[in-house]
Protein backbone atom coordinates (compact mmCIF):
# COMPACT_ATOMS: atom_id res chain seq x y z
CA MET A 1 -1.03 43.65 37.43
CA ARG A 2 -0.61 47.01 35.74
CA GLY A 3 -2.95 49.93 36.39
CA HIS A 4 -4.71 49.60 33.03
CA ASP A 5 -5.43 45.94 33.76
CA ALA A 6 -6.74 46.94 37.18
CA ILE A 7 -9.21 49.38 35.62
CA ALA A 8 -10.50 46.65 33.32
CA GLN A 9 -10.70 44.16 36.18
CA ALA A 10 -12.56 46.64 38.39
CA LEU A 11 -15.12 47.34 35.65
CA VAL A 12 -15.74 43.63 35.18
CA ASP A 13 -15.95 43.06 38.94
CA GLN A 14 -18.71 45.66 39.02
CA GLY A 15 -20.70 43.72 36.42
CA THR A 16 -19.66 45.55 33.25
CA ASP A 17 -20.10 43.35 30.19
CA THR A 18 -20.53 45.99 27.45
CA VAL A 19 -18.35 49.04 26.80
CA PHE A 20 -18.62 51.65 24.03
CA GLY A 21 -15.63 53.69 23.04
CA VAL A 22 -12.99 55.18 20.80
CA LEU A 23 -9.46 54.08 21.64
CA GLY A 24 -6.42 56.34 21.87
CA ASP A 25 -3.12 56.61 23.69
CA ALA A 26 -4.69 56.95 27.13
CA ASN A 27 -7.25 54.13 27.02
CA LEU A 28 -5.84 51.73 24.42
CA PHE A 29 -4.56 49.14 26.87
CA ILE A 30 -7.68 49.34 29.01
CA GLY A 31 -9.75 48.50 25.96
CA ASP A 32 -7.34 45.74 24.94
CA CYS A 33 -7.57 44.11 28.36
CA LEU A 34 -11.36 44.35 28.42
CA MET A 35 -11.59 42.55 25.07
CA ARG A 36 -8.65 40.13 25.15
CA VAL A 37 -8.67 39.08 28.79
CA HIS A 38 -12.28 39.60 29.91
CA HIS A 39 -14.09 39.14 26.59
CA VAL A 40 -16.24 42.18 27.26
CA ASN A 41 -18.48 43.22 24.37
CA TYR A 42 -16.56 46.27 23.16
CA VAL A 43 -18.45 48.39 20.60
CA ALA A 44 -16.20 50.73 18.64
CA ALA A 45 -17.72 54.08 17.72
CA THR A 46 -16.50 56.43 15.00
CA HIS A 47 -16.67 59.55 17.20
CA GLU A 48 -16.32 59.97 20.94
CA ALA A 49 -19.68 61.72 21.30
CA SER A 50 -21.26 58.70 19.65
CA ALA A 51 -19.61 56.37 22.15
CA VAL A 52 -21.16 58.34 25.02
CA MET A 53 -24.58 58.41 23.31
CA MET A 54 -24.38 54.66 22.64
CA ALA A 55 -23.77 54.10 26.34
CA GLN A 56 -26.76 56.30 27.16
CA GLY A 57 -29.00 54.49 24.68
CA TRP A 58 -27.84 51.17 26.11
CA ALA A 59 -28.54 52.39 29.65
CA LYS A 60 -32.05 53.51 28.73
CA ALA A 61 -32.81 50.24 26.95
CA THR A 62 -31.47 47.97 29.71
CA GLY A 63 -31.97 49.96 32.90
CA ARG A 64 -28.31 49.32 33.73
CA LEU A 65 -25.32 51.60 34.09
CA GLY A 66 -23.87 52.47 30.69
CA VAL A 67 -20.08 52.49 30.32
CA ALA A 68 -17.95 54.23 27.71
CA THR A 69 -14.26 55.05 27.35
CA VAL A 70 -12.29 57.74 25.53
CA THR A 71 -8.75 59.01 25.45
CA HIS A 72 -7.41 62.28 26.81
CA GLY A 73 -7.62 65.80 25.36
CA PRO A 74 -9.73 65.93 22.19
CA GLY A 75 -11.02 62.45 22.94
CA LEU A 76 -12.75 63.89 25.98
CA THR A 77 -13.61 67.32 24.60
CA ASN A 78 -15.36 65.67 21.64
CA THR A 79 -17.91 64.26 24.10
CA MET A 80 -19.18 67.60 25.38
CA THR A 81 -22.64 67.73 23.78
CA ALA A 82 -23.29 64.09 24.62
CA LEU A 83 -22.24 64.60 28.24
CA VAL A 84 -24.55 67.59 28.61
CA GLU A 85 -27.37 65.50 27.12
CA GLY A 86 -26.72 62.85 29.75
CA ALA A 87 -26.56 65.36 32.60
CA LYS A 88 -29.77 67.12 31.59
CA GLY A 89 -31.46 63.79 30.92
CA ALA A 90 -30.39 62.36 34.31
CA ILE A 91 -28.78 59.28 32.73
CA PRO A 92 -26.50 57.28 35.05
CA MET A 93 -23.37 56.25 33.15
CA LEU A 94 -19.62 55.99 33.63
CA LEU A 95 -17.12 57.50 31.20
CA VAL A 96 -13.58 56.20 31.69
CA SER A 97 -11.24 58.87 30.36
CA GLY A 98 -7.50 58.74 30.27
CA ASP A 99 -5.58 61.90 31.07
CA THR A 100 -2.18 63.17 30.03
CA PRO A 101 0.77 62.40 32.32
CA THR A 102 0.64 64.64 35.38
CA GLU A 103 4.26 65.74 35.06
CA ASP A 104 4.00 66.66 31.36
CA LEU A 105 2.52 70.17 31.42
CA HIS A 106 3.35 70.71 27.76
CA HIS A 107 1.75 67.55 26.40
CA LEU A 108 0.06 68.34 23.10
CA GLN A 109 -3.30 67.04 24.33
CA ASN A 110 -3.18 68.50 27.81
CA VAL A 111 -6.38 70.28 28.88
CA HIS A 112 -7.97 70.97 32.25
CA GLN A 113 -10.23 67.92 32.12
CA GLN A 114 -11.90 68.49 35.48
CA ALA A 115 -12.97 72.02 34.52
CA PHE A 116 -14.26 70.73 31.20
CA VAL A 117 -16.31 67.94 32.77
CA GLU A 118 -17.77 70.12 35.49
CA ALA A 119 -18.86 72.65 32.84
CA THR A 120 -21.06 69.95 31.29
CA GLY A 121 -22.93 69.35 34.54
CA CYS A 122 -21.45 65.85 34.91
CA GLY A 123 -19.58 64.42 37.84
CA PHE A 124 -15.80 64.15 37.89
CA HIS A 125 -13.89 61.58 39.92
CA PRO A 126 -10.08 61.34 39.69
CA VAL A 127 -8.30 58.06 40.26
CA ARG A 128 -6.30 58.95 43.36
CA SER A 129 -3.53 56.39 42.98
CA ALA A 130 -2.84 53.05 41.36
CA ALA A 131 -3.57 51.37 44.69
CA THR A 132 -7.10 52.87 44.87
CA ILE A 133 -8.21 52.02 41.32
CA ALA A 134 -10.81 49.40 42.29
CA GLU A 135 -12.23 51.64 45.01
CA ASP A 136 -12.32 54.67 42.70
CA VAL A 137 -14.19 52.74 40.00
CA ALA A 138 -16.76 51.71 42.60
CA ILE A 139 -17.10 55.26 43.93
CA ALA A 140 -17.59 56.70 40.45
CA MET A 141 -20.24 54.11 39.63
CA ARG A 142 -22.04 54.71 42.92
CA ARG A 143 -22.04 58.43 42.24
CA ALA A 144 -23.48 57.87 38.77
CA TRP A 145 -26.42 55.97 40.27
CA THR A 146 -27.08 58.25 43.22
CA GLU A 147 -26.54 61.52 41.35
CA ARG A 148 -28.45 60.28 38.26
CA ARG A 149 -25.93 61.68 35.79
CA PRO A 150 -22.77 60.69 33.90
CA VAL A 151 -19.61 60.56 35.98
CA VAL A 152 -16.18 60.80 34.35
CA LEU A 153 -13.49 58.63 35.91
CA ASN A 154 -10.22 60.43 35.19
CA LEU A 155 -7.06 58.32 34.94
CA PRO A 156 -3.62 59.97 34.41
CA LEU A 157 -1.58 57.94 31.97
CA GLU A 158 1.31 57.25 34.33
CA LEU A 159 -0.98 55.35 36.73
CA GLU A 160 -1.85 52.87 34.00
CA TRP A 161 1.70 51.49 34.06
CA GLU A 162 2.21 51.21 37.79
CA GLU A 163 2.16 47.78 39.41
CA VAL A 164 -0.95 47.15 41.48
CA ASP A 165 -1.73 44.63 44.21
CA TYR A 166 -5.35 44.41 43.16
CA VAL A 167 -8.10 44.03 45.76
CA ALA A 168 -11.70 44.02 44.51
CA ALA A 169 -14.11 46.61 45.87
CA PRO A 170 -17.67 45.75 47.01
CA VAL A 171 -20.13 45.59 44.13
CA VAL A 172 -22.18 48.76 43.66
CA GLN A 173 -25.95 48.30 43.53
CA PRO A 174 -28.38 50.67 41.76
CA ASP A 175 -29.74 53.37 44.01
CA GLY A 176 -33.07 52.20 45.39
CA ARG A 177 -34.34 55.17 47.35
CA ALA A 178 -37.73 53.88 48.48
CA LEU A 179 -38.58 56.68 50.89
CA ASP A 180 -41.61 56.76 53.15
CA ALA A 181 -43.56 59.96 52.63
CA ASP A 182 -43.87 62.54 55.38
CA PRO A 183 -47.31 62.09 57.04
CA ASP A 184 -48.01 65.83 57.16
CA ALA A 185 -47.20 66.22 53.47
CA LEU A 186 -49.44 63.25 52.66
CA ASP A 187 -52.25 64.66 54.76
CA LYS A 188 -52.07 67.99 52.92
CA ALA A 189 -52.06 66.28 49.54
CA LEU A 190 -55.03 64.10 50.45
CA GLY A 191 -56.94 67.16 51.57
CA VAL A 192 -56.46 68.74 48.15
CA MET A 193 -57.40 65.51 46.35
CA ALA A 194 -60.51 64.94 48.45
CA THR A 195 -62.06 68.20 47.29
CA ALA A 196 -61.36 67.63 43.58
CA GLN A 197 -64.32 66.88 41.35
CA ARG A 198 -62.31 66.07 38.23
CA PRO A 199 -58.90 64.71 39.31
CA LEU A 200 -56.32 63.47 36.82
CA ILE A 201 -53.19 61.39 37.52
CA LEU A 202 -50.01 62.21 35.60
CA ALA A 203 -47.13 59.69 35.52
CA GLY A 204 -43.60 60.61 34.46
CA ARG A 205 -40.41 58.64 34.06
CA GLY A 206 -39.91 58.57 37.83
CA ALA A 207 -43.15 56.64 38.21
CA VAL A 208 -42.04 54.21 35.52
CA LEU A 209 -38.68 53.63 37.23
CA ALA A 210 -40.48 53.09 40.54
CA GLY A 211 -42.73 50.39 39.04
CA ALA A 212 -45.82 52.35 40.04
CA HIS A 213 -48.13 51.21 37.21
CA ASP A 214 -50.55 49.05 39.20
CA ALA A 215 -50.51 51.31 42.24
CA LEU A 216 -51.40 54.35 40.13
CA LEU A 217 -54.27 52.56 38.41
CA GLU A 218 -55.65 51.49 41.80
CA LEU A 219 -55.43 55.09 42.99
CA ALA A 220 -57.12 56.21 39.77
CA GLU A 221 -60.07 53.89 40.48
CA VAL A 222 -60.43 55.18 44.04
CA LEU A 223 -60.32 58.81 42.88
CA GLY A 224 -62.32 58.32 39.68
CA ALA A 225 -59.41 59.84 37.78
CA PRO A 226 -58.28 59.36 34.18
CA VAL A 227 -54.54 58.79 33.74
CA ALA A 228 -51.99 60.58 31.57
CA THR A 229 -48.23 60.47 31.12
CA SER A 230 -45.38 62.78 30.32
CA LEU A 231 -43.52 62.12 27.07
CA LEU A 232 -41.06 59.82 28.85
CA GLY A 233 -43.97 57.77 30.22
CA THR A 234 -45.46 57.18 26.76
CA GLY A 235 -47.41 53.93 26.58
CA TYR A 236 -47.48 53.35 30.34
CA PHE A 237 -51.27 53.11 30.51
CA ARG A 238 -51.93 52.11 26.90
CA HIS A 239 -54.31 49.28 27.87
CA ASP A 240 -56.36 51.30 30.36
CA ASP A 241 -59.80 52.65 29.37
CA GLY A 242 -59.11 55.92 31.14
CA ALA A 243 -55.77 56.59 29.44
CA VAL A 244 -55.56 60.14 28.10
CA GLY A 245 -52.14 59.71 26.46
CA ILE A 246 -49.44 62.35 26.64
CA PHE A 247 -50.03 65.35 28.90
CA GLY A 248 -48.41 68.40 27.31
CA THR A 249 -47.71 70.02 23.99
CA LEU A 250 -47.96 66.62 22.27
CA ALA A 251 -51.41 65.82 23.65
CA THR A 252 -54.02 64.65 21.15
CA PRO A 253 -57.18 66.72 20.67
CA ALA A 254 -59.13 64.08 22.61
CA GLY A 255 -56.57 64.10 25.39
CA SER A 256 -56.44 67.89 25.48
CA GLU A 257 -60.19 67.99 26.05
CA VAL A 258 -59.89 65.81 29.17
CA ILE A 259 -56.88 67.76 30.46
CA HIS A 260 -58.74 71.03 29.96
CA HIS A 261 -61.66 69.90 32.15
CA ALA A 262 -59.55 68.46 34.98
CA ASP A 263 -59.53 70.52 38.18
CA CYS A 264 -56.71 68.70 39.97
CA VAL A 265 -53.50 67.13 38.62
CA ILE A 266 -51.63 64.62 40.79
CA ALA A 267 -48.16 64.17 39.27
CA PHE A 268 -45.90 61.22 40.10
CA GLY A 269 -42.26 61.32 39.02
CA ALA A 270 -42.87 64.06 36.45
CA SER A 271 -40.76 67.21 36.44
CA LEU A 272 -43.68 69.36 35.20
CA ASN A 273 -41.38 71.13 32.77
CA LYS A 274 -42.59 73.71 30.28
CA PHE A 275 -43.27 71.10 27.61
CA THR A 276 -45.34 68.88 29.88
CA THR A 277 -47.30 71.87 31.19
CA HIS A 278 -47.29 73.83 27.89
CA GLU A 279 -45.56 76.78 29.59
CA GLY A 280 -47.80 76.28 32.62
CA THR A 281 -51.04 76.90 30.73
CA LEU A 282 -52.29 73.31 31.13
CA LEU A 283 -52.20 73.72 34.91
CA ALA A 284 -53.91 77.11 35.02
CA GLY A 285 -56.89 77.07 37.37
CA LYS A 286 -56.07 73.56 38.60
CA ALA A 287 -54.88 72.30 41.96
CA VAL A 288 -51.48 70.63 41.58
CA ILE A 289 -49.97 67.89 43.74
CA GLN A 290 -46.40 66.84 42.92
CA CYS A 291 -44.86 63.60 44.18
CA ASP A 292 -41.19 62.94 43.46
CA ILE A 293 -38.22 61.04 44.88
CA ASP A 294 -36.07 64.16 44.47
CA PRO A 295 -37.03 66.94 46.88
CA SER A 296 -35.31 69.55 44.70
CA ARG A 297 -37.91 68.99 41.99
CA ILE A 298 -40.94 69.66 44.18
CA GLY A 299 -42.41 72.98 43.06
CA SER A 300 -39.27 73.90 41.13
CA THR A 301 -40.98 74.55 37.78
CA VAL A 302 -44.59 75.48 38.57
CA PRO A 303 -46.55 76.59 41.65
CA ILE A 304 -48.05 73.61 43.50
CA ASN A 305 -50.66 73.16 46.20
CA ALA A 306 -48.98 70.19 47.87
CA GLY A 307 -45.73 68.26 47.50
CA VAL A 308 -44.81 64.78 48.68
CA VAL A 309 -41.25 63.44 48.64
CA GLY A 310 -40.84 59.71 48.23
CA ASP A 311 -41.11 56.66 46.01
CA ALA A 312 -44.00 56.97 43.53
CA ARG A 313 -45.31 53.45 44.05
CA ARG A 314 -45.27 53.62 47.83
CA ILE A 315 -46.88 57.07 47.86
CA ALA A 316 -49.69 55.88 45.57
CA GLU A 317 -50.26 52.75 47.67
CA THR A 318 -50.40 54.80 50.86
CA MET A 319 -52.79 57.33 49.31
CA THR A 320 -55.10 54.54 48.16
CA ALA A 321 -55.14 52.92 51.60
CA LEU A 322 -55.88 56.21 53.37
CA LEU A 323 -58.64 57.12 50.93
CA HIS A 324 -60.26 53.71 51.43
CA GLU A 325 -59.96 54.15 55.19
CA ALA A 326 -61.68 57.53 54.94
CA GLY A 327 -64.50 56.11 52.81
CA HIS A 328 -63.69 58.42 49.88
CA GLN A 329 -66.24 58.38 47.06
CA ALA A 330 -64.79 58.33 43.57
CA SER A 331 -65.59 61.22 41.24
CA SER A 332 -67.54 60.64 38.04
CA PHE A 333 -64.77 62.12 35.89
CA ARG A 334 -63.44 58.67 34.96
CA SER A 335 -66.56 57.41 33.24
CA GLY A 336 -67.77 55.18 30.44
CA ASP A 337 -68.48 58.22 28.30
CA LEU A 338 -64.90 59.45 28.76
CA ALA A 339 -63.53 56.02 27.87
CA ALA A 340 -65.71 55.90 24.74
CA ALA A 341 -64.56 59.36 23.65
CA LEU A 342 -60.91 58.42 24.08
CA ALA A 343 -61.34 55.09 22.31
CA GLY A 344 -63.19 56.73 19.44
CA TYR A 345 -60.48 59.23 18.65
CA ASP A 346 -59.10 58.81 15.12
CA PRO A 347 -55.73 60.53 14.57
CA ALA A 348 -56.41 60.84 10.84
CA SER A 349 -59.45 62.99 11.54
CA SER A 350 -57.44 65.67 13.32
CA PHE A 351 -55.76 67.13 10.22
CA THR A 352 -56.15 67.65 6.49
CA ASP A 353 -53.58 65.61 4.61
CA GLN A 354 -51.25 67.75 2.49
CA SER A 355 -49.35 64.98 0.72
CA THR A 356 -48.55 65.43 -2.98
CA SER A 357 -46.93 63.35 -5.70
CA THR A 358 -43.48 64.49 -4.49
CA HIS A 359 -43.87 65.00 -0.75
CA VAL A 360 -45.60 63.25 2.15
CA ASP A 361 -47.41 65.00 4.98
CA PRO A 362 -45.42 63.96 8.10
CA ARG A 363 -48.64 63.29 10.03
CA SER A 364 -49.80 60.84 7.36
CA ALA A 365 -46.31 59.35 7.25
CA VAL A 366 -46.43 58.49 10.96
CA LEU A 367 -49.81 56.78 10.56
CA ARG A 368 -48.46 54.70 7.66
CA LEU A 369 -45.32 53.88 9.63
CA ASP A 370 -47.37 52.66 12.59
CA ALA A 371 -49.08 50.18 10.29
CA LEU A 372 -45.98 48.89 8.49
CA LEU A 373 -43.42 48.73 11.31
CA PRO A 374 -43.20 45.74 13.68
CA ALA A 375 -45.49 46.29 16.68
CA ASP A 376 -42.93 44.97 19.18
CA ARG A 377 -40.41 47.73 18.55
CA THR A 378 -37.93 49.95 20.28
CA VAL A 379 -38.26 53.49 18.93
CA VAL A 380 -35.47 56.09 19.07
CA VAL A 381 -36.30 59.67 18.09
CA ASP A 382 -33.60 62.20 17.27
CA ALA A 383 -34.26 65.92 17.72
CA GLY A 384 -35.55 68.23 15.00
CA ARG A 385 -38.79 69.68 13.68
CA PHE A 386 -39.92 66.27 12.48
CA MET A 387 -39.95 64.91 16.04
CA LEU A 388 -43.14 66.75 16.95
CA ASP A 389 -44.97 64.33 14.67
CA ALA A 390 -42.61 61.36 15.01
CA LEU A 391 -43.18 61.24 18.77
CA SER A 392 -46.80 60.27 18.15
CA LEU A 393 -45.66 56.88 16.84
CA PRO A 394 -46.99 54.38 19.43
CA VAL A 395 -44.62 52.22 21.47
CA PRO A 396 -45.38 49.10 23.53
CA ASP A 397 -44.20 50.64 26.81
CA PRO A 398 -42.20 53.63 28.11
CA GLY A 399 -38.93 51.71 28.00
CA SER A 400 -39.42 51.25 24.27
CA LEU A 401 -39.19 55.00 23.57
CA ILE A 402 -35.72 56.54 23.68
CA THR A 403 -35.27 60.24 23.01
CA THR A 404 -32.21 62.48 22.79
CA HIS A 405 -33.91 65.81 23.42
CA ALA A 406 -32.68 66.85 26.87
CA PHE A 407 -30.17 69.36 25.47
CA GLY A 408 -32.11 70.26 22.32
CA SER A 409 -29.32 69.00 20.08
CA ILE A 410 -29.91 67.28 16.78
CA GLY A 411 -27.69 64.43 15.62
CA LEU A 412 -27.49 62.33 18.79
CA GLY A 413 -30.18 59.78 17.94
CA THR A 414 -28.32 57.40 15.65
CA ALA A 415 -25.65 56.60 18.24
CA ALA A 416 -28.28 56.22 20.98
CA ALA A 417 -30.16 53.82 18.72
CA ILE A 418 -27.08 51.68 18.22
CA GLY A 419 -26.59 51.47 21.98
CA ALA A 420 -30.24 50.53 22.44
CA GLY A 421 -29.91 47.86 19.75
CA VAL A 422 -26.89 46.36 21.49
CA GLY A 423 -28.82 46.41 24.77
CA ARG A 424 -31.91 44.76 23.27
CA PRO A 425 -30.62 42.26 20.71
CA GLY A 426 -33.20 40.49 18.60
CA ARG A 427 -35.84 43.19 18.90
CA PRO A 428 -36.68 45.45 15.93
CA LEU A 429 -35.13 48.87 16.39
CA VAL A 430 -36.68 51.92 14.71
CA LEU A 431 -34.72 55.17 14.41
CA LEU A 432 -36.63 58.30 13.41
CA VAL A 433 -34.28 61.07 12.33
CA GLY A 434 -34.30 64.28 10.32
CA ASP A 435 -32.01 64.99 7.41
CA GLY A 436 -30.03 67.62 9.33
CA GLY A 437 -29.53 65.37 12.35
CA PHE A 438 -28.55 62.47 10.16
CA MET A 439 -25.94 64.50 8.30
CA MET A 440 -24.63 66.04 11.52
CA GLY A 441 -24.32 62.96 13.71
CA GLY A 442 -25.86 59.94 12.05
CA ILE A 443 -24.18 59.18 8.79
CA GLN A 444 -20.82 58.36 10.38
CA GLU A 445 -22.36 55.78 12.72
CA LEU A 446 -24.81 54.13 10.32
CA HIS A 447 -22.02 51.81 9.22
CA THR A 448 -21.63 50.76 12.87
CA GLY A 449 -25.23 49.53 12.86
CA VAL A 450 -24.51 47.65 9.65
CA HIS A 451 -21.29 46.20 11.05
CA LEU A 452 -23.09 45.01 14.20
CA GLY A 453 -25.86 43.43 12.15
CA LEU A 454 -28.61 45.18 14.08
CA ASP A 455 -32.27 44.71 13.15
CA LEU A 456 -32.35 48.44 12.46
CA ILE A 457 -34.98 50.35 10.50
CA VAL A 458 -33.96 53.96 9.86
CA VAL A 459 -36.74 56.35 8.90
CA LEU A 460 -35.34 59.65 7.67
CA PHE A 461 -37.65 62.66 7.27
CA ASN A 462 -35.97 64.73 4.57
CA ASP A 463 -37.22 68.27 4.02
CA GLY A 464 -33.89 69.45 2.62
CA SER A 465 -33.56 72.03 5.34
CA TYR A 466 -33.06 72.82 8.96
CA GLY A 467 -36.82 72.77 9.39
CA ALA A 468 -37.32 74.65 12.64
CA GLU A 469 -35.17 77.53 11.37
CA HIS A 470 -36.90 77.43 7.99
CA VAL A 471 -40.28 77.94 9.63
CA GLN A 472 -39.02 80.94 11.57
CA LEU A 473 -37.75 82.58 8.38
CA VAL A 474 -41.04 81.87 6.62
CA ASN A 475 -43.05 83.32 9.50
CA LYS A 476 -41.01 86.52 9.37
CA GLY A 477 -41.30 86.81 5.57
CA MET A 478 -37.55 86.46 5.13
CA ASP A 479 -35.40 84.70 2.53
CA THR A 480 -35.23 80.98 3.43
CA SER A 481 -32.18 80.06 1.33
CA SER A 482 -29.88 79.97 4.37
CA SER A 483 -32.00 77.18 5.89
CA LEU A 484 -32.08 74.98 2.77
CA HIS A 485 -29.57 72.26 1.94
CA HIS A 486 -28.75 70.14 -1.09
CA TRP A 487 -27.84 66.81 0.43
CA PRO A 488 -26.42 63.87 -1.51
CA ASP A 489 -28.72 61.00 -2.55
CA LEU A 490 -29.14 59.66 0.98
CA PRO A 491 -30.76 56.30 0.06
CA ALA A 492 -27.79 55.70 -2.26
CA VAL A 493 -25.39 56.59 0.56
CA ALA A 494 -27.21 54.23 2.91
CA ALA A 495 -27.08 51.47 0.30
CA ALA A 496 -23.34 52.02 -0.12
CA LEU A 497 -22.96 51.62 3.65
CA GLY A 498 -24.76 48.27 3.51
CA CYS A 499 -28.45 49.06 4.00
CA GLU A 500 -31.49 48.11 1.95
CA ALA A 501 -32.83 51.53 1.01
CA VAL A 502 -35.99 53.01 -0.46
CA ALA A 503 -37.12 56.57 -1.21
CA VAL A 504 -40.71 57.46 -0.35
CA ARG A 505 -41.89 60.43 -2.40
CA SER A 506 -45.65 59.87 -2.15
CA LEU A 507 -48.13 57.86 -0.13
CA ASP A 508 -48.14 55.21 -2.86
CA ASP A 509 -44.44 54.55 -2.21
CA PHE A 510 -45.21 53.17 1.24
CA ALA A 511 -46.11 49.88 -0.43
CA GLN A 512 -42.47 49.46 -1.39
CA ALA A 513 -41.34 50.47 2.09
CA THR A 514 -43.71 47.90 3.60
CA LYS A 515 -42.30 45.19 1.37
CA LEU A 516 -38.74 46.14 2.31
CA VAL A 517 -39.53 45.93 6.04
CA GLU A 518 -41.43 42.66 5.78
CA GLU A 519 -38.72 41.01 3.67
CA ARG A 520 -35.70 42.52 5.45
CA GLN A 521 -32.73 40.21 5.77
CA PRO A 522 -31.19 39.37 9.15
CA GLY A 523 -28.30 41.67 9.91
CA ARG A 524 -29.05 44.09 7.08
CA PRO A 525 -30.58 47.41 8.21
CA VAL A 526 -33.38 49.08 6.27
CA PHE A 527 -33.26 52.76 5.34
CA ILE A 528 -36.48 54.59 4.44
CA GLU A 529 -36.21 58.19 3.27
CA ILE A 530 -39.49 60.12 3.38
CA SER A 531 -39.57 63.35 1.39
CA VAL A 532 -41.22 66.12 3.37
CA ASP A 533 -42.12 69.62 2.18
CA PRO A 534 -40.34 72.16 4.43
CA ASP A 535 -43.37 74.45 4.09
CA VAL A 536 -45.84 71.85 5.37
CA VAL A 537 -45.87 72.21 9.14
CA SER A 538 -48.17 70.61 11.64
CA ARG A 539 -47.72 70.61 15.39
CA ILE A 540 -44.97 73.23 15.47
CA ALA A 541 -47.25 75.79 13.85
CA ARG A 542 -50.04 75.48 16.42
């Protein structure tokens, strides 16, 4: 077979059944073989960055390795922001990129692709020869899993046309690093925990990936500790009486009260970044124990009292067993009164609604959305000022919340949502996006969602501005005109692209939005535009 057929065969041999991409000279025949010969589900994106974000959204929704493909030169350089998002977000995925012929130094689309990829923080693996194609695909996939980042498999065009005696490589399995914790590190951590009077357990995405839910709740009972999550663990403990919710800048007033009184935080699989710790202030005066599979993360963002390297579930199980063995008495911090206070919290009581006849308070909008949207939903949140309220929309479990915030870029959410929808067919998919992000990176892919017939509900918060920048200008008493935009009639644009669309200008208009969602037709996405006043700010102003 030819080299391009070998690439396709190797991907399929490794279990690839879905590929996102934009075809060009250097990957055209790979894509053709994947579709025509192997009947792989190939999803065509409009822009290369979208293809990479679709693969990331798919990976997050399925827990599998996302795969995308682009051509050489601008095909690859167009992916830069998406690749950085994947690297910073620690998303394992493979990007198959063609490269210009090695001997053609003056090719119009020639660029130093290795230097470009390495600048994004992603891995780069060159196909060494036509004979090693299957092995190189396997190596690149293994690296993506073990390094927890995108890896670009680079294939010079001339190799695609060489004849190959194909030999399949062993199938790569996801990295399952279930490490036993160091006894001395465990002993130190237990010593800190044993003296705590008001301990609190914090679970991050690492704990979710480790399947540590039950083990952490058992540890919480032994310690008498309430439980909280990072943003990426949202919903992990939603049915537990001692669940505080999100630990960090997005904590509720009720949750913040519990966090404030805690004297020890035991973090599992949470990076303890500045958002989770609110610039470290939420950990001030508290003992901190950090448990993580990655030793480089231990103590890398905040000072800690003890660190344990290993698998979150196994660490929690071992801690519970040792505490039982020592006859540890649970604290009274996790109490009936605490559970009652958390259960009695009413989000609507935490703010004064500022909705008018032409604009909706975003906090009220989220409460209305929670009521009208399907409960069994996958939620994707783009970046932008609106997200600080949108992220309070409840989800069934952590895997049902997909964010594109690792690089702080707006406009990546729509493509990630499409990938998630492909990965979870048949489940309602909710995309929350701002007007700026939609115009920057969403509008060109909305038609893809329509074409695929996804059960997609797009909720667009439209304040006619780049909201975060608008607030800064307002706070400095400066002219805000540079932050304001006059967009086209976005519901009309969405309708032209094939969506059922409605404009929500006041709280009364949610009745129409509810009707549209309840009566939505299979394969026809719904588009809800919510008008927001750029001068009405909530969480970002606190």
